[in-house]
Amino acid sequence: MKARLKSWPFWAGIIGACFYIANTSFGLGISDDTVNTVMNVAAMVATALGVTVDPTTAGVGDSSQALTYDKPKKEDNA
């Protein structure tokens, strides 16, 4: 969890999700539908990025070890 909290994609996802929820639930006073739609799409892209990025690697790509997996790796203590 510590690595996830230090990961910028994780925080981009959290902020994107919060923004999307606030905008769709309460509105942010934006009357232009096109701008509102673009902002919602940007928030959802940020949320998807935060969910799919592996926080244990630098950047947004997977590690070379993770790319070799055919199925999720099992923990030794699980």
Protein backbone atom coordinates (compact mmCIF):
# COMPACT_ATOMS: atom_id res chain seq x y z
CA MET A 1 0.00 0.00 0.00
CA LYS A 2 2.92 2.32 0.72
CA ALA A 3 4.07 2.15 -2.91
CA ARG A 4 0.56 2.92 -4.14
CA LEU A 5 0.33 6.04 -1.94
CA LYS A 6 3.58 7.34 -3.46
CA SER A 7 2.41 6.69 -7.04
CA TRP A 8 1.24 9.73 -9.05
CA PRO A 9 -1.13 7.65 -11.26
CA PHE A 10 -2.89 6.46 -8.10
CA TRP A 11 -3.49 10.05 -6.98
CA ALA A 12 -4.52 11.07 -10.50
CA GLY A 13 -7.11 8.31 -10.34
CA ILE A 14 -8.40 9.34 -6.93
CA ILE A 15 -8.66 13.01 -7.94
CA GLY A 16 -10.26 12.09 -11.28
CA ALA A 17 -12.87 9.90 -9.58
CA CYS A 18 -13.65 12.56 -6.97
CA PHE A 19 -13.96 15.23 -9.66
CA TYR A 20 -16.25 13.04 -11.77
CA ILE A 21 -18.49 12.22 -8.81
CA ALA A 22 -18.66 15.87 -7.73
CA ASN A 23 -19.37 17.10 -11.26
CA THR A 24 -22.08 14.54 -12.02
CA SER A 25 -23.72 14.69 -8.59
CA PHE A 26 -23.56 18.37 -7.74
CA GLY A 27 -22.42 20.10 -10.91
CA LEU A 28 -19.58 22.57 -10.99
CA GLY A 29 -21.46 25.44 -12.59
CA ILE A 30 -20.25 24.69 -16.13
CA SER A 31 -23.09 25.37 -18.53
CA ASP A 32 -21.36 24.35 -21.78
CA ASP A 33 -22.19 20.67 -22.42
CA THR A 34 -19.13 20.14 -24.61
CA VAL A 35 -16.71 21.42 -21.97
CA ASN A 36 -18.52 19.43 -19.31
CA THR A 37 -18.28 16.24 -21.38
CA VAL A 38 -14.57 16.76 -22.11
CA MET A 39 -13.87 17.33 -18.42
CA ASN A 40 -15.78 14.18 -17.46
CA VAL A 41 -13.90 12.11 -20.05
CA ALA A 42 -10.56 13.48 -18.81
CA ALA A 43 -11.55 12.59 -15.25
CA MET A 44 -12.47 9.05 -16.28
CA VAL A 45 -9.19 8.60 -18.19
CA ALA A 46 -7.29 9.70 -15.07
CA THR A 47 -9.32 7.25 -13.00
CA ALA A 48 -8.60 4.39 -15.42
CA LEU A 49 -4.90 5.26 -15.37
CA GLY A 50 -4.86 5.17 -11.59
CA VAL A 51 -6.56 1.78 -11.50
CA THR A 52 -4.49 0.01 -14.15
CA VAL A 53 -0.94 1.25 -13.49
CA ASP A 54 1.35 -0.99 -11.41
CA PRO A 55 2.65 1.19 -8.56
CA THR A 56 5.71 -1.03 -7.99
CA THR A 57 7.34 0.03 -11.26
CA ALA A 58 8.61 3.40 -12.44
CA GLY A 59 6.38 5.17 -14.97
CA VAL A 60 3.20 3.65 -16.32
CA GLY A 61 4.54 0.45 -17.89
CA ASP A 62 4.81 -3.06 -16.48
CA SER A 63 8.09 -4.56 -15.34
CA SER A 64 9.87 -7.03 -17.62
CA GLN A 65 9.10 -9.75 -15.07
CA ALA A 66 5.38 -8.96 -15.07
CA LEU A 67 5.29 -9.12 -18.87
CA THR A 68 6.30 -12.81 -18.71
CA TYR A 69 3.28 -13.87 -16.60
CA ASP A 70 0.46 -15.87 -18.15
CA LYS A 71 -1.57 -15.65 -14.93
CA PRO A 72 -1.20 -13.65 -11.70
CA LYS A 73 1.74 -14.62 -9.52
CA LYS A 74 0.78 -16.29 -6.25
CA GLU A 75 2.22 -15.00 -2.98
CA ASP A 76 4.45 -17.44 -1.07
CA ASN A 77 2.51 -16.89 2.17
CA ALA A 78 -0.96 -17.14 0.60
